[in-house]
């Protein structure tokens, strides 16, 4: 997250993810991840409004992101595990997130995302519940935002290359023949 708008978005995310209740962490984290998933998909679709992504289910959005080459297939399990946890607690007033469910989400991260989360680092191994849960959700969000930043950067690079080609074409047309 780079610009001032993105810094504000990051500040808001941190305020939400720092909730004390694991239930809030799951619900708010899921909302942030779904929002980021939509933003990412919209970056590559020429006509994103034609799909009305807000009306698509979370698993459909994940599948679309994989199909567009935006999300690695090995990460799907983690996103869908978060979604199933969110669905469970969102539809049961008396539910709670357990440490066992936290471990299931951490396991679903797989080796790459788990490494990125830092939950296995020596100094983090004994962190109390729900800190690893928070780290898992942060990792999922950072992954999506990183891909989105890469997509934007590539588009800007392609635009710059296009501009350079156009400049060269114009120079070649104004050059007198030999």
N, C-alpha and C. Protein backbone atom coordinates (compact mmCIF):
# COMPACT_ATOMS: atom_id res chain seq x y z
N UNK A 1 0.85 -1.17 0.00
CA UNK A 1 0.00 0.00 0.00
C UNK A 1 0.90 1.23 0.00
N UNK A 2 0.76 2.07 -1.03
CA UNK A 2 1.75 3.10 -1.25
C UNK A 2 1.28 4.53 -0.99
N UNK A 3 0.38 5.08 -1.81
CA UNK A 3 0.00 6.48 -1.74
C UNK A 3 -0.73 6.84 -0.47
N UNK A 4 -1.07 8.14 -0.33
CA UNK A 4 -1.72 8.60 0.90
C UNK A 4 -3.09 7.95 1.09
N UNK A 5 -3.83 7.72 -0.01
CA UNK A 5 -5.11 7.01 0.09
C UNK A 5 -4.90 5.60 0.57
N UNK A 6 -3.85 4.99 0.08
CA UNK A 6 -3.53 3.62 0.49
C UNK A 6 -3.03 3.59 1.94
N UNK A 7 -2.32 4.63 2.35
CA UNK A 7 -1.87 4.70 3.74
C UNK A 7 -3.06 4.82 4.67
N UNK A 8 -4.06 5.59 4.27
CA UNK A 8 -5.27 5.72 5.08
C UNK A 8 -6.00 4.39 5.14
N UNK A 9 -6.06 3.71 4.02
CA UNK A 9 -6.70 2.39 3.97
C UNK A 9 -5.97 1.42 4.91
N UNK A 10 -4.65 1.47 4.88
CA UNK A 10 -3.85 0.60 5.77
C UNK A 10 -4.11 0.95 7.23
N UNK A 11 -4.19 2.24 7.55
CA UNK A 11 -4.46 2.66 8.92
C UNK A 11 -5.82 2.13 9.38
N UNK A 12 -6.82 2.23 8.51
CA UNK A 12 -8.15 1.73 8.85
C UNK A 12 -8.14 0.21 9.04
N UNK A 13 -7.42 -0.48 8.16
CA UNK A 13 -7.32 -1.93 8.30
C UNK A 13 -6.72 -2.29 9.66
N UNK A 14 -5.64 -1.62 10.02
CA UNK A 14 -4.97 -1.92 11.29
C UNK A 14 -5.90 -1.65 12.47
N UNK A 15 -6.70 -0.61 12.39
CA UNK A 15 -7.65 -0.32 13.46
C UNK A 15 -8.67 -1.45 13.59
N UNK A 16 -9.10 -1.98 12.47
CA UNK A 16 -10.10 -3.07 12.49
C UNK A 16 -9.49 -4.40 12.91
N UNK A 17 -8.33 -4.72 12.40
CA UNK A 17 -7.73 -6.04 12.66
C UNK A 17 -7.19 -6.13 14.10
N UNK A 18 -6.99 -4.99 14.73
CA UNK A 18 -6.49 -4.99 16.11
C UNK A 18 -7.60 -5.14 17.14
N UNK A 19 -8.77 -5.55 16.69
CA UNK A 19 -9.86 -5.85 17.62
C UNK A 19 -9.41 -6.95 18.57
N UNK A 20 -9.95 -6.96 19.75
CA UNK A 20 -9.55 -7.96 20.75
C UNK A 20 -10.27 -9.30 20.56
N UNK A 21 -11.47 -9.25 20.07
CA UNK A 21 -12.28 -10.45 19.93
C UNK A 21 -11.90 -11.22 18.66
N UNK A 22 -11.61 -12.51 18.78
CA UNK A 22 -11.34 -13.33 17.59
C UNK A 22 -12.49 -13.29 16.59
N UNK A 23 -13.71 -13.21 17.11
CA UNK A 23 -14.89 -13.11 16.26
C UNK A 23 -14.81 -11.85 15.38
N UNK A 24 -14.48 -10.73 15.99
CA UNK A 24 -14.33 -9.48 15.24
C UNK A 24 -13.18 -9.56 14.24
N UNK A 25 -12.09 -10.18 14.64
CA UNK A 25 -10.94 -10.31 13.76
C UNK A 25 -11.34 -11.07 12.50
N UNK A 26 -12.09 -12.16 12.67
CA UNK A 26 -12.53 -12.96 11.52
C UNK A 26 -13.48 -12.16 10.64
N UNK A 27 -14.50 -11.58 11.23
CA UNK A 27 -15.51 -10.88 10.44
C UNK A 27 -14.92 -9.67 9.73
N UNK A 28 -14.21 -8.85 10.48
CA UNK A 28 -13.62 -7.65 9.87
C UNK A 28 -12.52 -8.01 8.88
N UNK A 29 -11.70 -8.99 9.25
CA UNK A 29 -10.64 -9.43 8.34
C UNK A 29 -11.20 -9.95 7.03
N UNK A 30 -12.26 -10.73 7.11
CA UNK A 30 -12.90 -11.26 5.91
C UNK A 30 -13.44 -10.11 5.04
N UNK A 31 -14.05 -9.13 5.67
CA UNK A 31 -14.56 -7.98 4.91
C UNK A 31 -13.44 -7.26 4.16
N UNK A 32 -12.31 -7.08 4.83
CA UNK A 32 -11.18 -6.42 4.20
C UNK A 32 -10.62 -7.26 3.05
N UNK A 33 -10.51 -8.54 3.27
CA UNK A 33 -9.96 -9.41 2.23
C UNK A 33 -10.90 -9.46 1.03
N UNK A 34 -12.19 -9.54 1.28
CA UNK A 34 -13.14 -9.55 0.17
C UNK A 34 -13.08 -8.24 -0.61
N UNK A 35 -12.98 -7.13 0.09
CA UNK A 35 -12.85 -5.84 -0.57
C UNK A 35 -11.58 -5.79 -1.42
N UNK A 36 -10.48 -6.28 -0.89
CA UNK A 36 -9.22 -6.29 -1.64
C UNK A 36 -9.29 -7.23 -2.84
N UNK A 37 -9.97 -8.33 -2.68
CA UNK A 37 -10.15 -9.27 -3.78
C UNK A 37 -10.93 -8.61 -4.92
N UNK A 38 -11.97 -7.89 -4.57
CA UNK A 38 -12.76 -7.17 -5.57
C UNK A 38 -11.89 -6.11 -6.26
N UNK A 39 -11.15 -5.34 -5.49
CA UNK A 39 -10.28 -4.30 -6.07
C UNK A 39 -9.26 -4.91 -7.02
N UNK A 40 -8.71 -6.05 -6.64
CA UNK A 40 -7.72 -6.71 -7.48
C UNK A 40 -8.34 -7.16 -8.80
N UNK A 41 -9.46 -7.83 -8.73
CA UNK A 41 -10.13 -8.31 -9.94
C UNK A 41 -10.51 -7.14 -10.83
N UNK A 42 -11.01 -6.07 -10.24
CA UNK A 42 -11.41 -4.90 -11.02
C UNK A 42 -10.24 -4.25 -11.74
N UNK A 43 -9.03 -4.42 -11.23
CA UNK A 43 -7.85 -3.85 -11.89
C UNK A 43 -7.60 -4.46 -13.26
N UNK A 44 -7.99 -5.71 -13.45
CA UNK A 44 -7.67 -6.38 -14.71
C UNK A 44 -8.85 -6.53 -15.66
N UNK A 45 -10.05 -6.35 -15.16
CA UNK A 45 -11.22 -6.49 -16.02
C UNK A 45 -11.46 -5.19 -16.80
N UNK A 46 -11.64 -5.29 -18.11
CA UNK A 46 -11.91 -4.07 -18.87
C UNK A 46 -13.25 -3.43 -18.50
N UNK A 47 -14.25 -4.25 -18.15
CA UNK A 47 -15.57 -3.75 -17.79
C UNK A 47 -16.03 -4.43 -16.49
N UNK A 48 -15.44 -4.07 -15.37
CA UNK A 48 -15.77 -4.77 -14.11
C UNK A 48 -17.23 -4.64 -13.68
N UNK A 49 -17.86 -3.54 -14.02
CA UNK A 49 -19.26 -3.35 -13.60
C UNK A 49 -20.18 -4.36 -14.26
N UNK A 50 -19.77 -4.92 -15.40
CA UNK A 50 -20.59 -5.91 -16.10
C UNK A 50 -20.77 -7.18 -15.28
N UNK A 51 -19.84 -7.46 -14.37
CA UNK A 51 -19.94 -8.67 -13.54
C UNK A 51 -20.64 -8.43 -12.21
N UNK A 52 -20.74 -7.21 -11.76
CA UNK A 52 -21.32 -6.89 -10.45
C UNK A 52 -20.72 -7.80 -9.38
N UNK A 53 -19.43 -7.63 -9.18
CA UNK A 53 -18.68 -8.49 -8.26
C UNK A 53 -19.23 -8.53 -6.85
N UNK A 54 -19.87 -7.46 -6.42
CA UNK A 54 -20.42 -7.43 -5.06
C UNK A 54 -21.50 -8.50 -4.88
N UNK A 55 -22.14 -8.91 -5.96
CA UNK A 55 -23.20 -9.91 -5.87
C UNK A 55 -22.67 -11.34 -6.03
N UNK A 56 -21.40 -11.48 -6.36
CA UNK A 56 -20.81 -12.81 -6.50
C UNK A 56 -20.42 -13.33 -5.11
N UNK A 57 -20.48 -14.63 -4.94
CA UNK A 57 -20.07 -15.21 -3.66
C UNK A 57 -18.55 -15.10 -3.51
N UNK A 58 -18.10 -15.19 -2.29
CA UNK A 58 -16.67 -15.13 -2.03
C UNK A 58 -15.93 -16.25 -2.78
N UNK A 59 -16.39 -17.51 -2.72
CA UNK A 59 -15.70 -18.55 -3.48
C UNK A 59 -15.67 -18.28 -5.00
N UNK A 60 -16.71 -17.66 -5.52
CA UNK A 60 -16.71 -17.31 -6.94
C UNK A 60 -15.63 -16.27 -7.24
N UNK A 61 -15.48 -15.31 -6.34
CA UNK A 61 -14.45 -14.28 -6.52
C UNK A 61 -13.05 -14.90 -6.46
N UNK A 62 -12.87 -15.83 -5.53
CA UNK A 62 -11.59 -16.51 -5.42
C UNK A 62 -11.31 -17.28 -6.71
N UNK A 63 -12.30 -18.01 -7.20
CA UNK A 63 -12.13 -18.78 -8.45
C UNK A 63 -11.83 -17.86 -9.62
N UNK A 64 -12.51 -16.74 -9.69
CA UNK A 64 -12.25 -15.78 -10.76
C UNK A 64 -10.82 -15.25 -10.69
N UNK A 65 -10.37 -14.93 -9.49
CA UNK A 65 -9.00 -14.44 -9.32
C UNK A 65 -7.98 -15.49 -9.75
N UNK A 66 -8.24 -16.75 -9.45
CA UNK A 66 -7.35 -17.83 -9.90
C UNK A 66 -7.40 -17.92 -11.42
N UNK A 67 -8.61 -17.91 -11.98
CA UNK A 67 -8.77 -18.01 -13.42
C UNK A 67 -8.12 -16.87 -14.19
N UNK A 68 -8.05 -15.71 -13.58
CA UNK A 68 -7.40 -14.56 -14.21
C UNK A 68 -5.89 -14.54 -13.97
N UNK A 69 -5.40 -15.52 -13.22
CA UNK A 69 -3.96 -15.59 -12.94
C UNK A 69 -3.51 -14.62 -11.86
N UNK A 70 -4.44 -14.17 -11.04
CA UNK A 70 -4.13 -13.20 -10.00
C UNK A 70 -3.83 -13.84 -8.65
N UNK A 71 -4.37 -15.01 -8.44
CA UNK A 71 -4.25 -15.70 -7.16
C UNK A 71 -3.70 -17.10 -7.44
N UNK A 72 -2.66 -17.46 -6.70
CA UNK A 72 -2.08 -18.78 -6.87
C UNK A 72 -3.02 -19.84 -6.33
N UNK A 73 -3.15 -20.92 -7.08
CA UNK A 73 -4.07 -21.97 -6.69
C UNK A 73 -3.76 -22.56 -5.32
N UNK A 74 -2.49 -22.58 -4.95
CA UNK A 74 -2.11 -23.14 -3.65
C UNK A 74 -2.60 -22.29 -2.48
N UNK A 75 -3.04 -21.06 -2.74
CA UNK A 75 -3.54 -20.19 -1.68
C UNK A 75 -5.05 -20.28 -1.49
N UNK A 76 -5.73 -20.93 -2.42
CA UNK A 76 -7.19 -20.99 -2.39
C UNK A 76 -7.71 -21.58 -1.08
N UNK A 77 -7.09 -22.64 -0.61
CA UNK A 77 -7.54 -23.30 0.62
C UNK A 77 -7.61 -22.33 1.79
N UNK A 78 -6.61 -21.47 1.91
CA UNK A 78 -6.58 -20.52 3.03
C UNK A 78 -7.72 -19.50 2.92
N UNK A 79 -7.94 -18.97 1.72
CA UNK A 79 -9.02 -18.00 1.55
C UNK A 79 -10.38 -18.64 1.81
N UNK A 80 -10.56 -19.87 1.33
CA UNK A 80 -11.84 -20.55 1.54
C UNK A 80 -12.02 -20.97 3.00
N UNK A 81 -10.94 -21.29 3.70
CA UNK A 81 -11.04 -21.62 5.12
C UNK A 81 -11.47 -20.37 5.91
N UNK A 82 -10.89 -19.24 5.59
CA UNK A 82 -11.31 -17.99 6.24
C UNK A 82 -12.79 -17.75 5.97
N UNK A 83 -13.21 -17.97 4.74
CA UNK A 83 -14.62 -17.76 4.38
C UNK A 83 -15.54 -18.70 5.17
N UNK A 84 -15.14 -19.94 5.32
CA UNK A 84 -15.99 -20.87 6.07
C UNK A 84 -16.07 -20.48 7.54
N UNK A 85 -14.97 -20.00 8.11
CA UNK A 85 -15.01 -19.51 9.49
C UNK A 85 -15.93 -18.30 9.61
N UNK A 86 -15.81 -17.39 8.68
CA UNK A 86 -16.65 -16.20 8.68
C UNK A 86 -18.13 -16.59 8.56
N UNK A 87 -18.43 -17.51 7.66
CA UNK A 87 -19.82 -17.93 7.49
C UNK A 87 -20.37 -18.57 8.76
N UNK A 88 -19.55 -19.39 9.40
CA UNK A 88 -20.00 -20.06 10.61
C UNK A 88 -20.34 -19.06 11.70
N UNK A 89 -19.47 -18.10 11.94
CA UNK A 89 -19.72 -17.15 13.03
C UNK A 89 -20.75 -16.10 12.66
N UNK A 90 -20.87 -15.80 11.38
CA UNK A 90 -21.84 -14.78 10.96
C UNK A 90 -23.28 -15.27 11.06
N UNK A 91 -23.46 -16.58 11.09
CA UNK A 91 -24.81 -17.14 11.09
C UNK A 91 -25.19 -17.82 12.41
N UNK A 92 -24.38 -17.58 13.44
CA UNK A 92 -24.66 -18.16 14.75
C UNK A 92 -24.30 -17.13 15.81
N UNK A 93 -25.31 -16.59 16.45
CA UNK A 93 -25.11 -15.53 17.44
C UNK A 93 -24.23 -15.96 18.61
N UNK A 94 -24.18 -17.24 18.89
CA UNK A 94 -23.47 -17.72 20.07
C UNK A 94 -22.15 -18.41 19.74
N UNK A 95 -21.69 -18.26 18.52
CA UNK A 95 -20.46 -18.94 18.12
C UNK A 95 -19.23 -18.15 18.57
N UNK A 96 -18.14 -18.84 18.59
CA UNK A 96 -16.86 -18.22 18.91
C UNK A 96 -15.78 -18.92 18.09
N UNK A 97 -14.70 -18.23 17.85
CA UNK A 97 -13.57 -18.81 17.14
C UNK A 97 -12.68 -19.48 18.18
N UNK A 98 -12.27 -20.68 17.90
CA UNK A 98 -11.44 -21.43 18.85
C UNK A 98 -9.98 -21.43 18.41
N UNK A 99 -9.12 -21.81 19.32
CA UNK A 99 -7.70 -21.95 18.99
C UNK A 99 -7.51 -23.06 17.95
N UNK A 100 -8.34 -24.08 18.02
CA UNK A 100 -8.26 -25.16 17.03
C UNK A 100 -8.56 -24.62 15.63
N UNK A 101 -9.55 -23.75 15.52
CA UNK A 101 -9.88 -23.16 14.21
C UNK A 101 -8.77 -22.23 13.74
N UNK A 102 -8.14 -21.54 14.68
CA UNK A 102 -6.98 -20.72 14.34
C UNK A 102 -5.91 -21.61 13.71
N UNK A 103 -5.65 -22.76 14.34
CA UNK A 103 -4.64 -23.70 13.81
C UNK A 103 -5.03 -24.23 12.44
N UNK A 104 -6.32 -24.47 12.22
CA UNK A 104 -6.78 -24.93 10.91
C UNK A 104 -6.51 -23.88 9.84
N UNK A 105 -6.75 -22.62 10.17
CA UNK A 105 -6.47 -21.55 9.21
C UNK A 105 -4.97 -21.44 8.96
N UNK A 106 -4.18 -21.51 10.02
CA UNK A 106 -2.73 -21.45 9.84
C UNK A 106 -2.23 -22.60 8.97
N UNK A 107 -2.77 -23.78 9.19
CA UNK A 107 -2.40 -24.94 8.37
C UNK A 107 -2.81 -24.71 6.91
N UNK A 108 -3.98 -24.13 6.70
CA UNK A 108 -4.48 -23.88 5.35
C UNK A 108 -3.62 -22.87 4.59
N UNK A 109 -2.86 -22.05 5.30
CA UNK A 109 -2.00 -21.08 4.63
C UNK A 109 -1.00 -21.77 3.71
N UNK A 110 -0.59 -22.97 4.09
CA UNK A 110 0.44 -23.64 3.30
C UNK A 110 1.81 -23.06 3.62
N UNK A 111 2.86 -23.67 3.09
CA UNK A 111 4.22 -23.27 3.46
C UNK A 111 4.59 -21.83 3.11
N UNK A 112 4.25 -21.36 1.93
CA UNK A 112 4.67 -20.01 1.53
C UNK A 112 4.00 -18.92 2.35
N UNK A 113 2.68 -18.98 2.46
CA UNK A 113 1.97 -17.95 3.22
C UNK A 113 2.26 -18.08 4.71
N UNK A 114 2.42 -19.30 5.17
CA UNK A 114 2.74 -19.50 6.59
C UNK A 114 4.10 -18.87 6.90
N UNK A 115 5.07 -19.07 6.00
CA UNK A 115 6.38 -18.44 6.17
C UNK A 115 6.25 -16.93 6.17
N UNK A 116 5.46 -16.40 5.21
CA UNK A 116 5.25 -14.95 5.12
C UNK A 116 4.64 -14.41 6.41
N UNK A 117 3.74 -15.18 7.01
CA UNK A 117 3.05 -14.72 8.23
C UNK A 117 3.99 -14.63 9.43
N UNK A 118 5.06 -15.41 9.41
CA UNK A 118 6.02 -15.40 10.52
C UNK A 118 5.58 -16.17 11.75
N UNK A 119 4.46 -16.90 11.67
CA UNK A 119 3.95 -17.58 12.86
C UNK A 119 4.86 -18.69 13.37
N UNK A 120 5.74 -19.18 12.53
CA UNK A 120 6.64 -20.26 12.95
C UNK A 120 8.00 -19.77 13.41
N UNK A 121 8.22 -18.47 13.36
CA UNK A 121 9.51 -17.94 13.81
C UNK A 121 9.64 -18.17 15.31
N UNK A 122 10.83 -18.42 15.73
CA UNK A 122 11.11 -18.74 17.13
C UNK A 122 10.50 -17.73 18.09
N UNK A 123 10.69 -16.46 17.80
CA UNK A 123 10.20 -15.41 18.71
C UNK A 123 8.68 -15.25 18.68
N UNK A 124 8.00 -15.91 17.75
CA UNK A 124 6.55 -15.79 17.63
C UNK A 124 5.81 -17.07 18.01
N UNK A 125 6.51 -18.14 18.23
CA UNK A 125 5.87 -19.45 18.46
C UNK A 125 4.93 -19.49 19.65
N UNK A 126 5.21 -18.72 20.67
CA UNK A 126 4.39 -18.77 21.87
C UNK A 126 3.42 -17.59 21.98
N UNK A 127 3.15 -16.94 20.88
CA UNK A 127 2.20 -15.82 20.93
C UNK A 127 0.82 -16.34 21.33
N UNK A 128 0.15 -15.59 22.17
CA UNK A 128 -1.17 -16.04 22.63
C UNK A 128 -2.24 -15.89 21.55
N UNK A 129 -3.24 -16.73 21.65
CA UNK A 129 -4.44 -16.63 20.82
C UNK A 129 -5.08 -15.27 21.09
N UNK A 130 -5.45 -14.49 20.13
CA UNK A 130 -5.60 -14.73 18.70
C UNK A 130 -4.53 -14.07 17.83
N UNK A 131 -3.34 -13.82 18.37
CA UNK A 131 -2.29 -13.16 17.58
C UNK A 131 -1.97 -13.90 16.29
N UNK A 132 -1.79 -15.22 16.31
CA UNK A 132 -1.52 -15.92 15.04
C UNK A 132 -2.69 -15.81 14.05
N UNK A 133 -3.90 -15.76 14.56
CA UNK A 133 -5.08 -15.58 13.71
C UNK A 133 -4.99 -14.23 12.99
N UNK A 134 -4.65 -13.21 13.74
CA UNK A 134 -4.49 -11.86 13.19
C UNK A 134 -3.38 -11.86 12.12
N UNK A 135 -2.28 -12.54 12.41
CA UNK A 135 -1.16 -12.62 11.46
C UNK A 135 -1.58 -13.33 10.17
N UNK A 136 -2.38 -14.37 10.29
CA UNK A 136 -2.85 -15.11 9.12
C UNK A 136 -3.69 -14.20 8.22
N UNK A 137 -4.59 -13.45 8.82
CA UNK A 137 -5.46 -12.56 8.04
C UNK A 137 -4.65 -11.43 7.42
N UNK A 138 -3.70 -10.89 8.17
CA UNK A 138 -2.83 -9.85 7.61
C UNK A 138 -2.08 -10.39 6.40
N UNK A 139 -1.61 -11.62 6.49
CA UNK A 139 -0.86 -12.24 5.41
C UNK A 139 -1.72 -12.38 4.16
N UNK A 140 -2.95 -12.84 4.33
CA UNK A 140 -3.85 -13.00 3.19
C UNK A 140 -4.12 -11.65 2.52
N UNK A 141 -4.30 -10.62 3.32
CA UNK A 141 -4.54 -9.29 2.77
C UNK A 141 -3.29 -8.75 2.06
N UNK A 142 -2.15 -8.89 2.69
CA UNK A 142 -0.91 -8.38 2.10
C UNK A 142 -0.62 -9.09 0.77
N UNK A 143 -0.91 -10.36 0.69
CA UNK A 143 -0.72 -11.10 -0.57
C UNK A 143 -1.58 -10.48 -1.67
N UNK A 144 -2.86 -10.25 -1.40
CA UNK A 144 -3.75 -9.66 -2.41
C UNK A 144 -3.30 -8.25 -2.80
N UNK A 145 -2.95 -7.45 -1.81
CA UNK A 145 -2.52 -6.08 -2.09
C UNK A 145 -1.21 -6.06 -2.86
N UNK A 146 -0.32 -7.00 -2.56
CA UNK A 146 0.94 -7.09 -3.31
C UNK A 146 0.71 -7.42 -4.77
N UNK A 147 -0.19 -8.34 -5.03
CA UNK A 147 -0.52 -8.69 -6.42
C UNK A 147 -1.14 -7.48 -7.11
N UNK A 148 -2.03 -6.78 -6.43
CA UNK A 148 -2.67 -5.60 -7.01
C UNK A 148 -1.63 -4.54 -7.36
N UNK A 149 -0.69 -4.30 -6.47
CA UNK A 149 0.37 -3.33 -6.75
C UNK A 149 1.20 -3.75 -7.96
N UNK A 150 1.48 -5.05 -8.09
CA UNK A 150 2.22 -5.56 -9.24
C UNK A 150 1.45 -5.35 -10.53
N UNK A 151 0.15 -5.61 -10.51
CA UNK A 151 -0.70 -5.41 -11.68
C UNK A 151 -0.67 -3.94 -12.10
N UNK A 152 -0.81 -3.05 -11.15
CA UNK A 152 -0.79 -1.61 -11.45
C UNK A 152 0.57 -1.20 -12.01
N UNK A 153 1.63 -1.68 -11.40
CA UNK A 153 2.99 -1.34 -11.86
C UNK A 153 3.22 -1.84 -13.28
N UNK A 154 2.80 -3.07 -13.58
CA UNK A 154 2.97 -3.60 -14.93
C UNK A 154 2.19 -2.79 -15.95
N UNK A 155 0.97 -2.39 -15.59
CA UNK A 155 0.16 -1.58 -16.51
C UNK A 155 0.86 -0.24 -16.77
N UNK A 156 1.42 0.37 -15.72
CA UNK A 156 2.13 1.64 -15.89
C UNK A 156 3.38 1.45 -16.75
N UNK A 157 4.09 0.34 -16.55
CA UNK A 157 5.28 0.05 -17.36
C UNK A 157 4.90 -0.14 -18.83
N UNK A 158 3.81 -0.85 -19.07
CA UNK A 158 3.36 -1.06 -20.44
C UNK A 158 2.95 0.27 -21.08
N UNK A 159 2.31 1.13 -20.34
CA UNK A 159 1.92 2.44 -20.87
C UNK A 159 3.16 3.26 -21.21
N UNK A 160 4.18 3.20 -20.37
CA UNK A 160 5.42 3.93 -20.63
C UNK A 160 6.12 3.36 -21.86
N UNK A 161 6.13 2.06 -22.02
CA UNK A 161 6.73 1.45 -23.21
C UNK A 161 5.95 1.84 -24.46
N UNK A 162 4.64 1.83 -24.36
CA UNK A 162 3.81 2.24 -25.49
C UNK A 162 4.12 3.68 -25.89
N UNK A 163 4.23 4.54 -24.89
CA UNK A 163 4.54 5.95 -25.15
C UNK A 163 5.89 6.08 -25.84
N UNK A 164 6.86 5.31 -25.39
CA UNK A 164 8.21 5.35 -25.98
C UNK A 164 8.18 4.89 -27.44
N UNK A 165 7.43 3.83 -27.72
CA UNK A 165 7.31 3.35 -29.10
C UNK A 165 6.66 4.42 -29.97
N UNK A 166 5.62 5.05 -29.45
CA UNK A 166 4.95 6.11 -30.21
C UNK A 166 5.91 7.27 -30.50
N UNK A 167 6.73 7.63 -29.51
CA UNK A 167 7.72 8.70 -29.72
C UNK A 167 8.71 8.32 -30.81
N UNK A 168 9.18 7.07 -30.77
CA UNK A 168 10.12 6.61 -31.79
C UNK A 168 9.46 6.59 -33.18
N UNK A 169 8.23 6.17 -33.23
CA UNK A 169 7.51 6.15 -34.51
C UNK A 169 7.38 7.56 -35.07
N UNK A 170 7.04 8.50 -34.21
CA UNK A 170 6.91 9.88 -34.67
C UNK A 170 8.24 10.44 -35.16
N UNK A 171 9.32 10.13 -34.44
CA UNK A 171 10.65 10.59 -34.86
C UNK A 171 11.04 9.97 -36.18
N UNK A 172 10.69 8.71 -36.38
CA UNK A 172 11.07 8.06 -37.64
C UNK A 172 10.28 8.62 -38.81
N UNK A 173 9.09 9.12 -38.58
CA UNK A 173 8.27 9.69 -39.65
C UNK A 173 8.69 11.11 -40.00
N UNK A 174 9.32 11.82 -39.05
CA UNK A 174 9.75 13.20 -39.33
C UNK A 174 11.18 13.26 -39.85
N UNK A 175 11.89 12.16 -39.83
CA UNK A 175 13.27 12.11 -40.30
C UNK A 175 13.27 12.11 -41.84
N UNK A 176 14.10 12.95 -42.45
CA UNK A 176 14.15 12.95 -43.92
C UNK A 176 14.78 11.64 -44.44
N UNK A 177 14.33 11.16 -45.60
CA UNK A 177 14.89 9.92 -46.17
C UNK A 177 16.36 10.12 -46.54
N UNK A 178 17.13 9.05 -46.50
CA UNK A 178 18.57 9.10 -46.84
C UNK A 178 18.78 9.24 -48.31
